[in-house]
Amino acid sequence: MSGIKLLSTGSALPQRWLNNDDMAKIVDTSDEWISTRTGISGRYHCGQGESHTGLCMAAARQAIERAGIAPQDIGVCIVATLSPDYFTPSAACLLQSGLGMAEDTVCFDLNAACSGFVFALHTAQCLLAAARRKLALVVGAEVLSRVLDFTDRSTCVLFGDGAGAAVVEWGEDYPSLHAVLGSRGNAEALYIPGANQPHPSYIHMDGRPVFRFAVDALPRCVEQVAEQAGITLDMVDYFVFHQANQRIIDFSVKKLGLDPAKCAGNIARTGNTSAASVPLLLDELVRTGVVHSGQRVMCVGFGGGLTWGGALLELK
């Protein structure tokens, strides 16, 4: 069996943090309304001079430095995102140029919304099997504050900005991710109009069907990854779930019978950062020593598309 292991992580957040009282000055809402329905107390938004590219670069530099490698050692660079600075060049190509990666590095962006980082991990594993250089830089990054309708209290209070990065290494004797990926095409429940659409490019979400989808997809994906890996859930050291809504996570943890201590999150501080959510939380856990070398982490994302993805990632 061949697969990848996690060497290092990195993250970057904007300087500006807005709590729920700050949002109440912008739109008709309150701290109680937001926190009781979502578990969110605040979120980071980019200010003047901050950008998607800048967040990607800062998170990637951290991960590369912590891995003890050079940018030229990387064979694959994937950025999971739905809110890049440019449709083209891709955020990954801008990283290649800014970090000085070799020109034959495979670089591209991947849009699977909130499942994007897990999709990107699986894609990196597949590409590295045929690559000359067996290291990949995988980034999840969003600047969702640029696509928020600040008159819509049902969406603008949920989302934040940030970037998380990981360096992974492929090896013939490394364990597979045992990735489970899925999609259920839906252009109504959760969407952002494209450049050629007559409506503004704001996030639109119908909360009830998205909630119903999430509380089905998250626990089912966890069980399928464990089944594919041939393990029981108590053999997983930590669970890193997409930080969409605390009620979704609490429901799924209870349904699966998981130890809540293995499922802590950061949604209260960061809000929903879509593709950046899983790597931001992963970096926090690695950086603080909650998870460490030799442990297995199950990463699960779910969201726009509709998509879902889970993977079992081992730390080297």
C-alpha atoms as a PDB file:
ATOM      1  CA  MET A   1       0.000   0.000   0.000  1.00  0.00           C
ATOM      2  CA  SER A   2       1.157   3.555  -0.722  1.00  0.00           C
ATOM      3  CA  GLY A   3      -0.076   6.911   0.508  1.00  0.00           C
ATOM      4  CA  ILE A   4       0.879  10.181   2.180  1.00  0.00           C
ATOM      5  CA  LYS A   5       1.780  11.422   5.637  1.00  0.00           C
ATOM      6  CA  LEU A   6       1.509  14.919   7.062  1.00  0.00           C
ATOM      7  CA  LEU A   7       4.868  16.613   7.606  1.00  0.00           C
ATOM      8  CA  SER A   8       3.795  20.066   8.733  1.00  0.00           C
ATOM      9  CA  THR A   9       1.069  22.691   8.793  1.00  0.00           C
ATOM     10  CA  GLY A  10       0.728  26.461   8.685  1.00  0.00           C
ATOM     11  CA  SER A  11      -2.005  29.070   8.885  1.00  0.00           C
ATOM     12  CA  ALA A  12      -2.762  32.744   8.383  1.00  0.00           C
ATOM     13  CA  LEU A  13      -5.644  34.933   9.539  1.00  0.00           C
ATOM     14  CA  PRO A  14      -6.438  38.587   8.784  1.00  0.00           C
ATOM     15  CA  GLN A  15      -5.723  41.187  11.437  1.00  0.00           C
ATOM     16  CA  ARG A  16      -9.330  42.325  11.820  1.00  0.00           C
ATOM     17  CA  TRP A  17     -11.611  40.241  14.077  1.00  0.00           C
ATOM     18  CA  LEU A  18     -15.298  41.107  14.275  1.00  0.00           C
ATOM     19  CA  ASN A  19     -17.378  39.820  17.178  1.00  0.00           C
ATOM     20  CA  ASN A  20     -21.133  39.402  17.018  1.00  0.00           C
ATOM     21  CA  ASP A  21     -21.747  42.835  18.491  1.00  0.00           C
ATOM     22  CA  ASP A  22     -19.711  44.304  15.627  1.00  0.00           C
ATOM     23  CA  MET A  23     -21.958  42.472  13.149  1.00  0.00           C
ATOM     24  CA  ALA A  24     -25.026  43.823  14.950  1.00  0.00           C
ATOM     25  CA  LYS A  25     -23.876  47.323  13.972  1.00  0.00           C
ATOM     26  CA  ILE A  26     -23.936  46.280  10.295  1.00  0.00           C
ATOM     27  CA  VAL A  27     -27.097  44.173  10.047  1.00  0.00           C
ATOM     28  CA  ASP A  28     -30.188  43.500  12.165  1.00  0.00           C
ATOM     29  CA  THR A  29     -28.902  40.727  14.421  1.00  0.00           C
ATOM     30  CA  SER A  30     -27.571  40.097  17.920  1.00  0.00           C
ATOM     31  CA  ASP A  31     -24.938  38.082  19.710  1.00  0.00           C
ATOM     32  CA  GLU A  32     -27.636  35.818  21.152  1.00  0.00           C
ATOM     33  CA  TRP A  33     -29.218  35.187  17.737  1.00  0.00           C
ATOM     34  CA  ILE A  34     -25.903  34.236  16.134  1.00  0.00           C
ATOM     35  CA  SER A  35     -24.310  32.267  18.948  1.00  0.00           C
ATOM     36  CA  THR A  36     -27.334  30.140  19.846  1.00  0.00           C
ATOM     37  CA  ARG A  37     -27.965  29.141  16.216  1.00  0.00           C
ATOM     38  CA  THR A  38     -24.388  28.652  15.031  1.00  0.00           C
ATOM     39  CA  GLY A  39     -21.890  28.614  17.912  1.00  0.00           C
ATOM     40  CA  ILE A  40     -20.062  31.540  16.287  1.00  0.00           C
ATOM     41  CA  SER A  41     -18.827  34.420  18.442  1.00  0.00           C
ATOM     42  CA  GLY A  42     -16.573  36.110  15.881  1.00  0.00           C
ATOM     43  CA  ARG A  43     -14.838  35.861  12.537  1.00  0.00           C
ATOM     44  CA  TYR A  44     -11.829  37.352  10.713  1.00  0.00           C
ATOM     45  CA  HIS A  45     -12.281  39.628   7.696  1.00  0.00           C
ATOM     46  CA  CYS A  46      -9.580  40.962   5.419  1.00  0.00           C
ATOM     47  CA  GLY A  47      -8.997  44.681   5.538  1.00  0.00           C
ATOM     48  CA  GLN A  48      -7.245  47.063   3.204  1.00  0.00           C
ATOM     49  CA  GLY A  49      -3.937  45.663   2.003  1.00  0.00           C
ATOM     50  CA  GLU A  50      -4.851  42.067   2.846  1.00  0.00           C
ATOM     51  CA  SER A  51      -5.644  39.515   0.162  1.00  0.00           C
ATOM     52  CA  HIS A  52      -6.270  35.879  -0.641  1.00  0.00           C
ATOM     53  CA  THR A  53      -2.793  35.646  -2.165  1.00  0.00           C
ATOM     54  CA  GLY A  54      -1.203  37.131   0.945  1.00  0.00           C
ATOM     55  CA  LEU A  55      -2.967  34.680   3.247  1.00  0.00           C
ATOM     56  CA  CYS A  56      -1.961  31.731   1.038  1.00  0.00           C
ATOM     57  CA  MET A  57       1.639  32.885   0.964  1.00  0.00           C
ATOM     58  CA  ALA A  58       1.895  33.340   4.741  1.00  0.00           C
ATOM     59  CA  ALA A  59       0.332  29.955   5.545  1.00  0.00           C
ATOM     60  CA  ALA A  60       2.430  28.174   2.911  1.00  0.00           C
ATOM     61  CA  ARG A  61       5.688  29.723   4.141  1.00  0.00           C
ATOM     62  CA  GLN A  62       4.942  28.544   7.674  1.00  0.00           C
ATOM     63  CA  ALA A  63       4.249  24.988   6.540  1.00  0.00           C
ATOM     64  CA  ILE A  64       7.369  24.826   4.349  1.00  0.00           C
ATOM     65  CA  GLU A  65       9.610  26.225   7.080  1.00  0.00           C
ATOM     66  CA  ARG A  66       8.219  23.825   9.679  1.00  0.00           C
ATOM     67  CA  ALA A  67       8.719  20.892   7.306  1.00  0.00           C
ATOM     68  CA  GLY A  68      12.387  21.799   6.935  1.00  0.00           C
ATOM     69  CA  ILE A  69      12.232  21.689   3.149  1.00  0.00           C
ATOM     70  CA  ALA A  70      12.843  24.096   0.282  1.00  0.00           C
ATOM     71  CA  PRO A  71      10.122  25.227  -2.140  1.00  0.00           C
ATOM     72  CA  GLN A  72      12.091  23.537  -4.909  1.00  0.00           C
ATOM     73  CA  ASP A  73      11.450  20.169  -3.213  1.00  0.00           C
ATOM     74  CA  ILE A  74       7.704  20.419  -3.863  1.00  0.00           C
ATOM     75  CA  GLY A  75       6.283  18.473  -6.790  1.00  0.00           C
ATOM     76  CA  VAL A  76       2.585  19.353  -6.465  1.00  0.00           C
ATOM     77  CA  CYS A  77       0.859  22.528  -5.267  1.00  0.00           C
ATOM     78  CA  ILE A  78      -2.934  22.646  -4.923  1.00  0.00           C
ATOM     79  CA  VAL A  79      -5.027  25.471  -3.499  1.00  0.00           C
ATOM     80  CA  ALA A  80      -8.588  24.585  -2.500  1.00  0.00           C
ATOM     81  CA  THR A  81     -10.701  27.721  -2.777  1.00  0.00           C
ATOM     82  CA  LEU A  82     -13.845  29.306  -4.181  1.00  0.00           C
ATOM     83  CA  SER A  83     -12.770  32.922  -3.597  1.00  0.00           C
ATOM     84  CA  PRO A  84      -9.325  33.489  -5.187  1.00  0.00           C
ATOM     85  CA  ASP A  85      -8.027  36.923  -6.135  1.00  0.00           C
ATOM     86  CA  TYR A  86      -8.062  35.914  -9.819  1.00  0.00           C
ATOM     87  CA  PHE A  87      -9.926  33.386 -11.936  1.00  0.00           C
ATOM     88  CA  THR A  88      -6.582  33.094 -13.662  1.00  0.00           C
ATOM     89  CA  PRO A  89      -3.709  32.933 -12.849  1.00  0.00           C
ATOM     90  CA  SER A  90      -4.645  30.415 -10.190  1.00  0.00           C
ATOM     91  CA  ALA A  91      -3.753  30.982  -6.551  1.00  0.00           C
ATOM     92  CA  ALA A  92      -1.468  27.942  -6.830  1.00  0.00           C
ATOM     93  CA  CYS A  93       0.423  29.483  -9.738  1.00  0.00           C
ATOM     94  CA  LEU A  94       0.898  32.673  -7.735  1.00  0.00           C
ATOM     95  CA  LEU A  95       2.338  30.542  -4.918  1.00  0.00           C
ATOM     96  CA  GLN A  96       4.705  28.862  -7.376  1.00  0.00           C
ATOM     97  CA  SER A  97       6.014  32.243  -8.465  1.00  0.00           C
ATOM     98  CA  GLY A  98       6.059  33.886  -5.036  1.00  0.00           C
ATOM     99  CA  LEU A  99       7.741  30.982  -3.250  1.00  0.00           C
ATOM    100  CA  GLY A 100      10.147  30.090  -6.039  1.00  0.00           C
ATOM    101  CA  MET A 101       8.935  26.569  -6.734  1.00  0.00           C
ATOM    102  CA  ALA A 102      10.306  24.815  -9.803  1.00  0.00           C
ATOM    103  CA  GLU A 103       8.495  25.535 -13.059  1.00  0.00           C
ATOM    104  CA  ASP A 104       7.594  21.868 -13.561  1.00  0.00           C
ATOM    105  CA  THR A 105       5.614  21.842 -10.300  1.00  0.00           C
ATOM    106  CA  VAL A 106       2.001  20.821 -10.919  1.00  0.00           C
ATOM    107  CA  CYS A 107      -0.003  23.869  -9.767  1.00  0.00           C
ATOM    108  CA  PHE A 108      -3.749  24.420  -9.898  1.00  0.00           C
ATOM    109  CA  ASP A 109      -6.777  25.495  -7.872  1.00  0.00           C
ATOM    110  CA  LEU A 110      -9.564  23.118  -6.868  1.00  0.00           C
ATOM    111  CA  ASN A 111     -13.122  24.196  -6.071  1.00  0.00           C
ATOM    112  CA  ALA A 112     -15.125  21.753  -3.975  1.00  0.00           C
ATOM    113  CA  ALA A 113     -16.247  24.508  -1.585  1.00  0.00           C
ATOM    114  CA  CYS A 114     -16.109  23.417   2.066  1.00  0.00           C
ATOM    115  CA  SER A 115     -14.906  19.921   1.109  1.00  0.00           C
ATOM    116  CA  GLY A 116     -12.063  21.353  -0.964  1.00  0.00           C
ATOM    117  CA  PHE A 117      -9.125  20.655   1.330  1.00  0.00           C
ATOM    118  CA  VAL A 118     -10.022  16.963   1.642  1.00  0.00           C
ATOM    119  CA  PHE A 119     -10.534  16.703  -2.125  1.00  0.00           C
ATOM    120  CA  ALA A 120      -7.112  18.342  -2.561  1.00  0.00           C
ATOM    121  CA  LEU A 121      -5.392  15.912  -0.173  1.00  0.00           C
ATOM    122  CA  HIS A 122      -6.724  12.960  -2.146  1.00  0.00           C
ATOM    123  CA  THR A 123      -5.772  14.588  -5.455  1.00  0.00           C
ATOM    124  CA  ALA A 124      -2.247  15.276  -4.159  1.00  0.00           C
ATOM    125  CA  GLN A 125      -1.862  11.648  -3.084  1.00  0.00           C
ATOM    126  CA  CYS A 126      -2.808  10.469  -6.579  1.00  0.00           C
ATOM    127  CA  LEU A 127      -0.528  12.955  -8.352  1.00  0.00           C
ATOM    128  CA  LEU A 128       2.474  12.326  -6.098  1.00  0.00           C
ATOM    129  CA  ALA A 129       2.442   8.632  -6.990  1.00  0.00           C
ATOM    130  CA  ALA A 130       3.628   9.614 -10.474  1.00  0.00           C
ATOM    131  CA  ALA A 131       5.662  12.718  -9.556  1.00  0.00           C
ATOM    132  CA  ARG A 132       9.458  12.961  -9.466  1.00  0.00           C
ATOM    133  CA  ARG A 133       9.379  14.999  -6.267  1.00  0.00           C
ATOM    134  CA  LYS A 134       7.289  13.309  -3.574  1.00  0.00           C
ATOM    135  CA  LEU A 135       6.225  16.372  -1.577  1.00  0.00           C
ATOM    136  CA  ALA A 136       3.028  18.368  -2.010  1.00  0.00           C
ATOM    137  CA  LEU A 137       1.855  21.716  -0.677  1.00  0.00           C
ATOM    138  CA  VAL A 138      -1.902  21.660  -0.079  1.00  0.00           C
ATOM    139  CA  VAL A 139      -3.616  24.913   0.902  1.00  0.00           C
ATOM    140  CA  GLY A 140      -7.204  25.759   1.785  1.00  0.00           C
ATOM    141  CA  ALA A 141      -7.895  29.491   1.613  1.00  0.00           C
ATOM    142  CA  GLU A 142     -10.877  31.820   1.422  1.00  0.00           C
ATOM    143  CA  VAL A 143     -11.679  35.517   1.486  1.00  0.00           C
ATOM    144  CA  LEU A 144     -15.424  35.086   1.804  1.00  0.00           C
ATOM    145  CA  SER A 145     -15.932  38.598   3.180  1.00  0.00           C
ATOM    146  CA  ARG A 146     -15.612  39.806  -0.439  1.00  0.00           C
ATOM    147  CA  VAL A 147     -18.655  37.751  -1.521  1.00  0.00           C
ATOM    148  CA  LEU A 148     -20.991  38.515   1.402  1.00  0.00           C
ATOM    149  CA  ASP A 149     -24.228  40.460   1.174  1.00  0.00           C
ATOM    150  CA  PHE A 150     -24.080  42.509   4.365  1.00  0.00           C
ATOM    151  CA  THR A 151     -27.836  43.108   4.221  1.00  0.00           C
ATOM    152  CA  ASP A 152     -28.536  39.366   4.535  1.00  0.00           C
ATOM    153  CA  ARG A 153     -28.238  38.441   8.205  1.00  0.00           C
ATOM    154  CA  SER A 154     -28.731  34.744   7.484  1.00  0.00           C
ATOM    155  CA  THR A 155     -25.386  34.531   5.654  1.00  0.00           C
ATOM    156  CA  CYS A 156     -23.135  37.519   6.416  1.00  0.00           C
ATOM    157  CA  VAL A 157     -22.747  36.570  10.094  1.00  0.00           C
ATOM    158  CA  LEU A 158     -21.535  33.044   9.271  1.00  0.00           C
ATOM    159  CA  PHE A 159     -18.463  33.389   7.111  1.00  0.00           C
ATOM    160  CA  GLY A 160     -14.874  34.451   7.653  1.00  0.00           C
ATOM    161  CA  ASP A 161     -11.490  34.643   5.941  1.00  0.00           C
ATOM    162  CA  GLY A 162      -8.299  32.678   6.446  1.00  0.00           C
ATOM    163  CA  ALA A 163      -5.842  30.145   5.039  1.00  0.00           C
ATOM    164  CA  GLY A 164      -4.416  26.856   6.230  1.00  0.00           C
ATOM    165  CA  ALA A 165      -1.600  24.895   4.614  1.00  0.00           C
ATOM    166  CA  ALA A 166      -0.086  21.437   4.841  1.00  0.00           C
ATOM    167  CA  VAL A 167       3.020  19.763   3.466  1.00  0.00           C
ATOM    168  CA  VAL A 168       2.503  16.066   2.795  1.00  0.00           C
ATOM    169  CA  GLU A 169       4.955  13.391   1.669  1.00  0.00           C
ATOM    170  CA  TRP A 170       4.202  10.317  -0.467  1.00  0.00           C
ATOM    171  CA  GLY A 171       5.761   6.956   0.325  1.00  0.00           C
ATOM    172  CA  GLU A 172       5.325   3.406  -0.932  1.00  0.00           C
ATOM    173  CA  ASP A 173       4.959   2.153   2.633  1.00  0.00           C
ATOM    174  CA  TYR A 174       2.786   5.043   3.860  1.00  0.00           C
ATOM    175  CA  PRO A 175      -0.907   4.412   4.625  1.00  0.00           C
ATOM    176  CA  SER A 176      -3.603   5.419   2.162  1.00  0.00           C
ATOM    177  CA  LEU A 177      -5.914   8.277   3.021  1.00  0.00           C
ATOM    178  CA  HIS A 178      -8.842   5.901   2.487  1.00  0.00           C
ATOM    179  CA  ALA A 179     -10.612   8.932   1.067  1.00  0.00           C
ATOM    180  CA  VAL A 180     -14.373   8.963   0.585  1.00  0.00           C
ATOM    181  CA  LEU A 181     -15.586  11.748  -1.733  1.00  0.00           C
ATOM    182  CA  GLY A 182     -19.059  12.534  -2.979  1.00  0.00           C
ATOM    183  CA  SER A 183     -21.214  15.100  -4.700  1.00  0.00           C
ATOM    184  CA  ARG A 184     -24.902  15.829  -5.161  1.00  0.00           C
ATOM    185  CA  GLY A 185     -25.247  18.620  -7.691  1.00  0.00           C
ATOM    186  CA  ASN A 186     -27.459  21.386  -6.348  1.00  0.00           C
ATOM    187  CA  ALA A 187     -27.513  24.982  -7.592  1.00  0.00           C
ATOM    188  CA  GLU A 188     -30.233  26.145  -5.223  1.00  0.00           C
ATOM    189  CA  ALA A 189     -29.347  25.297  -1.612  1.00  0.00           C
ATOM    190  CA  LEU A 190     -25.931  26.978  -1.493  1.00  0.00           C
ATOM    191  CA  TYR A 191     -24.451  28.954  -4.356  1.00  0.00           C
ATOM    192  CA  ILE A 192     -22.514  32.004  -5.562  1.00  0.00           C
ATOM    193  CA  PRO A 193     -23.466  33.349  -9.022  1.00  0.00           C
ATOM    194  CA  GLY A 194     -20.657  33.348 -11.578  1.00  0.00           C
ATOM    195  CA  ALA A 195     -19.167  36.234 -13.519  1.00  0.00           C
ATOM    196  CA  ASN A 196     -21.649  35.825 -16.390  1.00  0.00           C
ATOM    197  CA  GLN A 197     -24.757  35.740 -14.200  1.00  0.00           C
ATOM    198  CA  PRO A 198     -27.049  38.800 -13.921  1.00  0.00           C
ATOM    199  CA  HIS A 199     -27.032  38.768 -10.096  1.00  0.00           C
ATOM    200  CA  PRO A 200     -24.257  39.994  -7.780  1.00  0.00           C
ATOM    201  CA  SER A 201     -21.679  37.373  -6.786  1.00  0.00           C
ATOM    202  CA  TYR A 202     -22.861  36.989  -3.209  1.00  0.00           C
ATOM    203  CA  ILE A 203     -23.233  33.806  -1.178  1.00  0.00           C
ATOM    204  CA  HIS A 204     -26.827  32.568  -1.184  1.00  0.00           C
ATOM    205  CA  MET A 205     -27.899  29.799   1.191  1.00  0.00           C
ATOM    206  CA  ASP A 206     -31.139  28.095   2.124  1.00  0.00           C
ATOM    207  CA  GLY A 207     -30.265  27.053   5.657  1.00  0.00           C
ATOM    208  CA  ARG A 208     -32.756  24.256   6.280  1.00  0.00           C
ATOM    209  CA  PRO A 209     -31.889  21.935   3.370  1.00  0.00           C
ATOM    210  CA  VAL A 210     -28.181  22.598   3.920  1.00  0.00           C
ATOM    211  CA  PHE A 211     -28.537  21.622   7.583  1.00  0.00           C
ATOM    212  CA  ARG A 212     -30.431  18.442   6.672  1.00  0.00           C
ATOM    213  CA  PHE A 213     -27.762  17.554   4.118  1.00  0.00           C
ATOM    214  CA  ALA A 214     -24.926  18.177   6.570  1.00  0.00           C
ATOM    215  CA  VAL A 215     -26.283  16.101   9.465  1.00  0.00           C
ATOM    216  CA  ASP A 216     -26.673  13.201   7.034  1.00  0.00           C
ATOM    217  CA  ALA A 217     -23.415  13.573   5.089  1.00  0.00           C
ATOM    218  CA  LEU A 218     -21.013  14.152   8.003  1.00  0.00           C
ATOM    219  CA  PRO A 219     -21.718  11.030  10.104  1.00  0.00           C
ATOM    220  CA  ARG A 220     -22.178   8.839   7.035  1.00  0.00           C
ATOM    221  CA  CYS A 221     -18.826   9.957   5.624  1.00  0.00           C
ATOM    222  CA  VAL A 222     -17.069   9.274   8.952  1.00  0.00           C
ATOM    223  CA  GLU A 223     -18.443   5.732   9.031  1.00  0.00           C
ATOM    224  CA  GLN A 224     -17.483   5.072   5.405  1.00  0.00           C
ATOM    225  CA  VAL A 225     -13.880   6.234   5.883  1.00  0.00           C
ATOM    226  CA  ALA A 226     -13.509   4.003   8.957  1.00  0.00           C
ATOM    227  CA  GLU A 227     -15.039   1.054   7.128  1.00  0.00           C
ATOM    228  CA  GLN A 228     -12.747   1.540   4.139  1.00  0.00           C
ATOM    229  CA  ALA A 229      -9.711   1.773   6.445  1.00  0.00           C
ATOM    230  CA  GLY A 230     -10.805  -1.319   8.371  1.00  0.00           C
ATOM    231  CA  ILE A 231     -10.795   0.409  11.748  1.00  0.00           C
ATOM    232  CA  THR A 232     -13.247   1.331  14.477  1.00  0.00           C
ATOM    233  CA  LEU A 233     -13.919   4.956  15.338  1.00  0.00           C
ATOM    234  CA  ASP A 234     -12.206   4.645  18.717  1.00  0.00           C
ATOM    235  CA  MET A 235      -8.965   3.950  16.818  1.00  0.00           C
ATOM    236  CA  VAL A 236      -8.978   7.508  15.418  1.00  0.00           C
ATOM    237  CA  ASP A 237      -6.940   9.878  17.587  1.00  0.00           C
ATOM    238  CA  TYR A 238      -8.722  13.060  16.548  1.00  0.00           C
ATOM    239  CA  PHE A 239     -11.518  14.255  14.274  1.00  0.00           C
ATOM    240  CA  VAL A 240     -11.189  17.487  12.305  1.00  0.00           C
ATOM    241  CA  PHE A 241     -14.613  18.483  11.036  1.00  0.00           C
ATOM    242  CA  HIS A 242     -15.450  21.404   8.787  1.00  0.00           C
ATOM    243  CA  GLN A 243     -16.512  24.233  11.079  1.00  0.00           C
ATOM    244  CA  ALA A 244     -19.853  25.114   9.527  1.00  0.00           C
ATOM    245  CA  ASN A 245     -22.228  25.160  12.486  1.00  0.00           C
ATOM    246  CA  GLN A 246     -21.733  23.909  16.042  1.00  0.00           C
ATOM    247  CA  ARG A 247     -25.183  22.315  16.042  1.00  0.00           C
ATOM    248  CA  ILE A 248     -24.240  20.168  13.032  1.00  0.00           C
ATOM    249  CA  ILE A 249     -21.065  19.011  14.747  1.00  0.00           C
ATOM    250  CA  ASP A 250     -22.761  18.339  18.098  1.00  0.00           C
ATOM    251  CA  PHE A 251     -25.529  16.331  16.410  1.00  0.00           C
ATOM    252  CA  SER A 252     -23.016  14.249  14.439  1.00  0.00           C
ATOM    253  CA  VAL A 253     -20.738  13.612  17.433  1.00  0.00           C
ATOM    254  CA  LYS A 254     -23.691  12.351  19.445  1.00  0.00           C
ATOM    255  CA  LYS A 255     -25.045  10.216  16.596  1.00  0.00           C
ATOM    256  CA  LEU A 256     -21.653   8.571  16.064  1.00  0.00           C
ATOM    257  CA  GLY A 257     -21.016   8.119  19.790  1.00  0.00           C
ATOM    258  CA  LEU A 258     -17.677   9.937  19.584  1.00  0.00           C
ATOM    259  CA  ASP A 259     -15.716  11.336  22.506  1.00  0.00           C
ATOM    260  CA  PRO A 260     -16.355  15.112  22.337  1.00  0.00           C
ATOM    261  CA  ALA A 261     -12.784  15.677  23.589  1.00  0.00           C
ATOM    262  CA  LYS A 262     -11.585  14.262  20.248  1.00  0.00           C
ATOM    263  CA  CYS A 263     -13.768  16.661  18.260  1.00  0.00           C
ATOM    264  CA  ALA A 264     -12.970  20.138  19.573  1.00  0.00           C
ATOM    265  CA  GLY A 265     -13.238  23.007  17.109  1.00  0.00           C
ATOM    266  CA  ASN A 266     -12.580  26.688  16.552  1.00  0.00           C
ATOM    267  CA  ILE A 267     -15.833  27.881  14.987  1.00  0.00           C
ATOM    268  CA  ALA A 268     -16.462  30.277  17.880  1.00  0.00           C
ATOM    269  CA  ARG A 269     -13.414  32.339  16.861  1.00  0.00           C
ATOM    270  CA  THR A 270     -13.183  31.814  13.085  1.00  0.00           C
ATOM    271  CA  GLY A 271     -16.716  31.242  11.838  1.00  0.00           C
ATOM    272  CA  ASN A 272     -17.198  29.255   8.647  1.00  0.00           C
ATOM    273  CA  THR A 273     -14.129  29.639   6.417  1.00  0.00           C
ATOM    274  CA  SER A 274     -15.185  27.060   3.796  1.00  0.00           C
ATOM    275  CA  ALA A 275     -12.107  25.391   2.239  1.00  0.00           C
ATOM    276  CA  ALA A 276      -9.828  26.970   4.868  1.00  0.00           C
ATOM    277  CA  SER A 277     -11.802  25.504   7.766  1.00  0.00           C
ATOM    278  CA  VAL A 278     -10.254  22.025   8.003  1.00  0.00           C
ATOM    279  CA  PRO A 279      -6.599  23.099   7.523  1.00  0.00           C
ATOM    280  CA  LEU A 280      -6.969  26.028   9.950  1.00  0.00           C
ATOM    281  CA  LEU A 281      -8.209  23.695  12.672  1.00  0.00           C
ATOM    282  CA  LEU A 282      -5.628  21.054  11.738  1.00  0.00           C
ATOM    283  CA  ASP A 283      -2.807  23.585  12.111  1.00  0.00           C
ATOM    284  CA  GLU A 284      -4.130  24.724  15.478  1.00  0.00           C
ATOM    285  CA  LEU A 285      -4.170  21.148  16.767  1.00  0.00           C
ATOM    286  CA  VAL A 286      -0.682  20.358  15.456  1.00  0.00           C
ATOM    287  CA  ARG A 287       0.814  23.666  16.596  1.00  0.00           C
ATOM    288  CA  THR A 288      -0.513  23.298  20.133  1.00  0.00           C
ATOM    289  CA  GLY A 289       0.545  19.656  20.410  1.00  0.00           C
ATOM    290  CA  VAL A 290      -2.982  18.283  20.737  1.00  0.00           C
ATOM    291  CA  VAL A 291      -2.158  15.921  17.857  1.00  0.00           C
ATOM    292  CA  HIS A 292       1.361  14.768  17.125  1.00  0.00           C
ATOM    293  CA  SER A 293       3.625  12.354  15.283  1.00  0.00           C
ATOM    294  CA  GLY A 294       2.231   8.881  14.739  1.00  0.00           C
ATOM    295  CA  GLN A 295      -1.374   9.822  15.375  1.00  0.00           C
ATOM    296  CA  ARG A 296      -4.269   9.491  12.963  1.00  0.00           C
ATOM    297  CA  VAL A 297      -6.646  12.344  12.245  1.00  0.00           C
ATOM    298  CA  MET A 298      -9.881  11.994  10.314  1.00  0.00           C
ATOM    299  CA  CYS A 299     -10.619  15.116   8.289  1.00  0.00           C
ATOM    300  CA  VAL A 300     -14.162  15.635   6.991  1.00  0.00           C
ATOM    301  CA  GLY A 301     -15.557  18.469   4.895  1.00  0.00           C
ATOM    302  CA  PHE A 302     -19.074  19.079   3.576  1.00  0.00           C
ATOM    303  CA  GLY A 303     -20.830  21.955   1.880  1.00  0.00           C
ATOM    304  CA  GLY A 304     -21.428  23.732  -1.403  1.00  0.00           C
ATOM    305  CA  GLY A 305     -21.797  21.647  -4.493  1.00  0.00           C
ATOM    306  CA  LEU A 306     -23.237  19.863  -2.654  1.00  0.00           C
ATOM    307  CA  THR A 307     -20.068  17.943  -1.782  1.00  0.00           C
ATOM    308  CA  TRP A 308     -18.592  15.905   1.039  1.00  0.00           C
ATOM    309  CA  GLY A 309     -15.232  14.276   1.647  1.00  0.00           C
ATOM    310  CA  GLY A 310     -13.407  12.413   4.372  1.00  0.00           C
ATOM    311  CA  ALA A 311      -9.833  11.141   4.734  1.00  0.00           C
ATOM    312  CA  LEU A 312      -7.679   9.468   7.379  1.00  0.00           C
ATOM    313  CA  LEU A 313      -4.406  11.386   7.646  1.00  0.00           C
ATOM    314  CA  GLU A 314      -1.421  10.149   9.631  1.00  0.00           C
ATOM    315  CA  LEU A 315       1.187  12.520  11.053  1.00  0.00           C
ATOM    316  CA  LYS A 316       4.792  11.605  10.316  1.00  0.00           C
END
